[in-house]
Amino acid sequence: MFDKNKEKHAQELPTLRSVRRACSRELYRTAKRLKVWIPPDKMEEAEKLYLKKVAGHLVWIAENNSNRKLLSDWWRDNVADDIAALWNVEKEPLVKAFREAFGG
């Protein structure tokens, strides 16, 4: 008998290295779509912030890794405000750029 929940919870969590690289790529692609230059120190600070938020919700993110729309909504609700303030950009264009870059 096939039990989707058991299979979902049996997945291994991604490594810290792979999470850090994914966060870095996602933010780079987002900044590129914003067409705004982000100083390297602000980009690095945003990566650390994003990684910290992802690490706090890693189990939930790993369980929902195939649902890009849900993950984009999570990013909008939990990460976008902080990064928008850090990068001095408005939240809505940032969220739109992230969705385009992330695929959600």
C-alpha atoms as a PDB file:
ATOM      1  CA  MET A   1       0.000   0.000   0.000  1.00  0.00           C
ATOM      2  CA  PHE A   2       1.329   3.423  -0.972  1.00  0.00           C
ATOM      3  CA  ASP A   3       1.442   5.991   1.805  1.00  0.00           C
ATOM      4  CA  LYS A   4       2.430   9.443   0.568  1.00  0.00           C
ATOM      5  CA  ASN A   5       3.075  10.855   4.053  1.00  0.00           C
ATOM      6  CA  LYS A   6       5.563   8.144   4.970  1.00  0.00           C
ATOM      7  CA  GLU A   7       7.438   8.686   1.736  1.00  0.00           C
ATOM      8  CA  LYS A   8       7.406  12.453   2.228  1.00  0.00           C
ATOM      9  CA  HIS A   9       8.825  12.202   5.739  1.00  0.00           C
ATOM     10  CA  ALA A  10      11.410   9.637   4.725  1.00  0.00           C
ATOM     11  CA  GLN A  11      13.208  12.182   2.538  1.00  0.00           C
ATOM     12  CA  GLU A  12      16.616  13.308   3.683  1.00  0.00           C
ATOM     13  CA  LEU A  13      17.125  16.973   4.441  1.00  0.00           C
ATOM     14  CA  PRO A  14      19.413  18.902   2.112  1.00  0.00           C
ATOM     15  CA  THR A  15      22.926  19.710   3.275  1.00  0.00           C
ATOM     16  CA  LEU A  16      23.813  23.152   4.546  1.00  0.00           C
ATOM     17  CA  ARG A  17      26.117  23.635   1.567  1.00  0.00           C
ATOM     18  CA  SER A  18      23.376  22.900  -0.950  1.00  0.00           C
ATOM     19  CA  VAL A  19      20.921  25.186   0.880  1.00  0.00           C
ATOM     20  CA  ARG A  20      23.463  28.015   1.005  1.00  0.00           C
ATOM     21  CA  ARG A  21      24.220  27.673  -2.707  1.00  0.00           C
ATOM     22  CA  ALA A  22      20.528  27.570  -3.618  1.00  0.00           C
ATOM     23  CA  CYS A  23      19.814  30.689  -1.553  1.00  0.00           C
ATOM     24  CA  SER A  24      22.715  32.473  -3.203  1.00  0.00           C
ATOM     25  CA  ARG A  25      21.554  31.548  -6.713  1.00  0.00           C
ATOM     26  CA  GLU A  26      17.950  32.537  -6.012  1.00  0.00           C
ATOM     27  CA  LEU A  27      18.942  35.952  -4.679  1.00  0.00           C
ATOM     28  CA  TYR A  28      21.361  36.534  -7.570  1.00  0.00           C
ATOM     29  CA  ARG A  29      18.638  35.740 -10.105  1.00  0.00           C
ATOM     30  CA  THR A  30      16.164  37.938  -8.229  1.00  0.00           C
ATOM     31  CA  ALA A  31      18.543  40.908  -8.196  1.00  0.00           C
ATOM     32  CA  LYS A  32      19.233  40.391 -11.881  1.00  0.00           C
ATOM     33  CA  ARG A  33      15.512  40.542 -12.694  1.00  0.00           C
ATOM     34  CA  LEU A  34      15.100  43.681 -10.574  1.00  0.00           C
ATOM     35  CA  LYS A  35      17.657  45.378 -12.825  1.00  0.00           C
ATOM     36  CA  VAL A  36      19.075  47.141  -9.774  1.00  0.00           C
ATOM     37  CA  TRP A  37      22.711  46.982  -8.734  1.00  0.00           C
ATOM     38  CA  ILE A  38      23.080  45.463  -5.289  1.00  0.00           C
ATOM     39  CA  PRO A  39      26.453  46.057  -3.582  1.00  0.00           C
ATOM     40  CA  PRO A  40      28.319  42.830  -2.762  1.00  0.00           C
ATOM     41  CA  ASP A  41      28.145  43.465   0.993  1.00  0.00           C
ATOM     42  CA  LYS A  42      24.339  43.874   0.837  1.00  0.00           C
ATOM     43  CA  MET A  43      24.061  40.723  -1.285  1.00  0.00           C
ATOM     44  CA  GLU A  44      26.141  38.765   1.219  1.00  0.00           C
ATOM     45  CA  GLU A  45      24.080  40.067   4.129  1.00  0.00           C
ATOM     46  CA  ALA A  46      20.858  39.121   2.316  1.00  0.00           C
ATOM     47  CA  GLU A  47      22.219  35.618   1.682  1.00  0.00           C
ATOM     48  CA  LYS A  48      22.982  35.167   5.383  1.00  0.00           C
ATOM     49  CA  LEU A  49      19.541  36.428   6.339  1.00  0.00           C
ATOM     50  CA  TYR A  50      17.818  34.173   3.803  1.00  0.00           C
ATOM     51  CA  LEU A  51      19.866  31.148   4.866  1.00  0.00           C
ATOM     52  CA  LYS A  52      18.969  31.771   8.507  1.00  0.00           C
ATOM     53  CA  LYS A  53      15.247  31.909   7.672  1.00  0.00           C
ATOM     54  CA  VAL A  54      15.449  28.770   5.532  1.00  0.00           C
ATOM     55  CA  ALA A  55      17.355  26.893   8.248  1.00  0.00           C
ATOM     56  CA  GLY A  56      14.582  27.715  10.695  1.00  0.00           C
ATOM     57  CA  HIS A  57      11.951  26.179   8.410  1.00  0.00           C
ATOM     58  CA  LEU A  58      14.081  23.504   6.739  1.00  0.00           C
ATOM     59  CA  VAL A  59      11.826  20.542   7.486  1.00  0.00           C
ATOM     60  CA  TRP A  60       8.740  22.299   6.105  1.00  0.00           C
ATOM     61  CA  ILE A  61      10.652  23.534   3.040  1.00  0.00           C
ATOM     62  CA  ALA A  62      12.036  20.049   2.364  1.00  0.00           C
ATOM     63  CA  GLU A  63       8.553  18.536   2.627  1.00  0.00           C
ATOM     64  CA  ASN A  64       7.170  21.078   0.149  1.00  0.00           C
ATOM     65  CA  ASN A  65      10.154  21.256  -2.183  1.00  0.00           C
ATOM     66  CA  SER A  66       8.110  20.373  -5.262  1.00  0.00           C
ATOM     67  CA  ASN A  67       5.513  23.123  -4.715  1.00  0.00           C
ATOM     68  CA  ARG A  68       7.204  26.264  -6.033  1.00  0.00           C
ATOM     69  CA  LYS A  69       4.090  28.417  -5.590  1.00  0.00           C
ATOM     70  CA  LEU A  70       3.832  27.535  -1.908  1.00  0.00           C
ATOM     71  CA  LEU A  71       7.547  28.160  -1.382  1.00  0.00           C
ATOM     72  CA  SER A  72       7.285  31.520  -3.170  1.00  0.00           C
ATOM     73  CA  ASP A  73       4.381  32.458  -0.909  1.00  0.00           C
ATOM     74  CA  TRP A  74       6.480  31.476   2.121  1.00  0.00           C
ATOM     75  CA  TRP A  75       9.343  33.642   0.823  1.00  0.00           C
ATOM     76  CA  ARG A  76       6.970  36.584   0.332  1.00  0.00           C
ATOM     77  CA  ASP A  77       5.602  36.271   3.868  1.00  0.00           C
ATOM     78  CA  ASN A  78       8.830  35.518   5.750  1.00  0.00           C
ATOM     79  CA  VAL A  79      11.801  36.902   3.834  1.00  0.00           C
ATOM     80  CA  ALA A  80      10.767  39.614   1.373  1.00  0.00           C
ATOM     81  CA  ASP A  81      10.232  42.409   3.916  1.00  0.00           C
ATOM     82  CA  ASP A  82      13.715  42.062   5.368  1.00  0.00           C
ATOM     83  CA  ILE A  83      15.465  41.864   2.004  1.00  0.00           C
ATOM     84  CA  ALA A  84      13.446  44.759   0.571  1.00  0.00           C
ATOM     85  CA  ALA A  85      14.542  46.921   3.516  1.00  0.00           C
ATOM     86  CA  LEU A  86      18.144  45.755   3.179  1.00  0.00           C
ATOM     87  CA  TRP A  87      18.300  46.395  -0.575  1.00  0.00           C
ATOM     88  CA  ASN A  88      16.223  49.608  -0.408  1.00  0.00           C
ATOM     89  CA  VAL A  89      13.654  48.376  -2.921  1.00  0.00           C
ATOM     90  CA  GLU A  90       9.897  48.083  -2.754  1.00  0.00           C
ATOM     91  CA  LYS A  91       8.468  44.744  -1.675  1.00  0.00           C
ATOM     92  CA  GLU A  92       6.094  44.088  -4.597  1.00  0.00           C
ATOM     93  CA  PRO A  93       8.687  44.355  -7.409  1.00  0.00           C
ATOM     94  CA  LEU A  94      11.034  42.231  -5.286  1.00  0.00           C
ATOM     95  CA  VAL A  95       8.409  39.522  -4.808  1.00  0.00           C
ATOM     96  CA  LYS A  96       7.570  39.578  -8.526  1.00  0.00           C
ATOM     97  CA  ALA A  97      11.258  39.277  -9.450  1.00  0.00           C
ATOM     98  CA  PHE A  98      11.691  36.395  -7.009  1.00  0.00           C
ATOM     99  CA  ARG A  99       8.694  34.524  -8.425  1.00  0.00           C
ATOM    100  CA  GLU A 100      10.050  34.918 -11.951  1.00  0.00           C
ATOM    101  CA  ALA A 101      13.509  33.769 -10.878  1.00  0.00           C
ATOM    102  CA  PHE A 102      12.294  30.915  -8.682  1.00  0.00           C
ATOM    103  CA  GLY A 103       9.555  29.649 -10.931  1.00  0.00           C
ATOM    104  CA  GLY A 104       6.623  30.025  -8.576  1.00  0.00           C
END
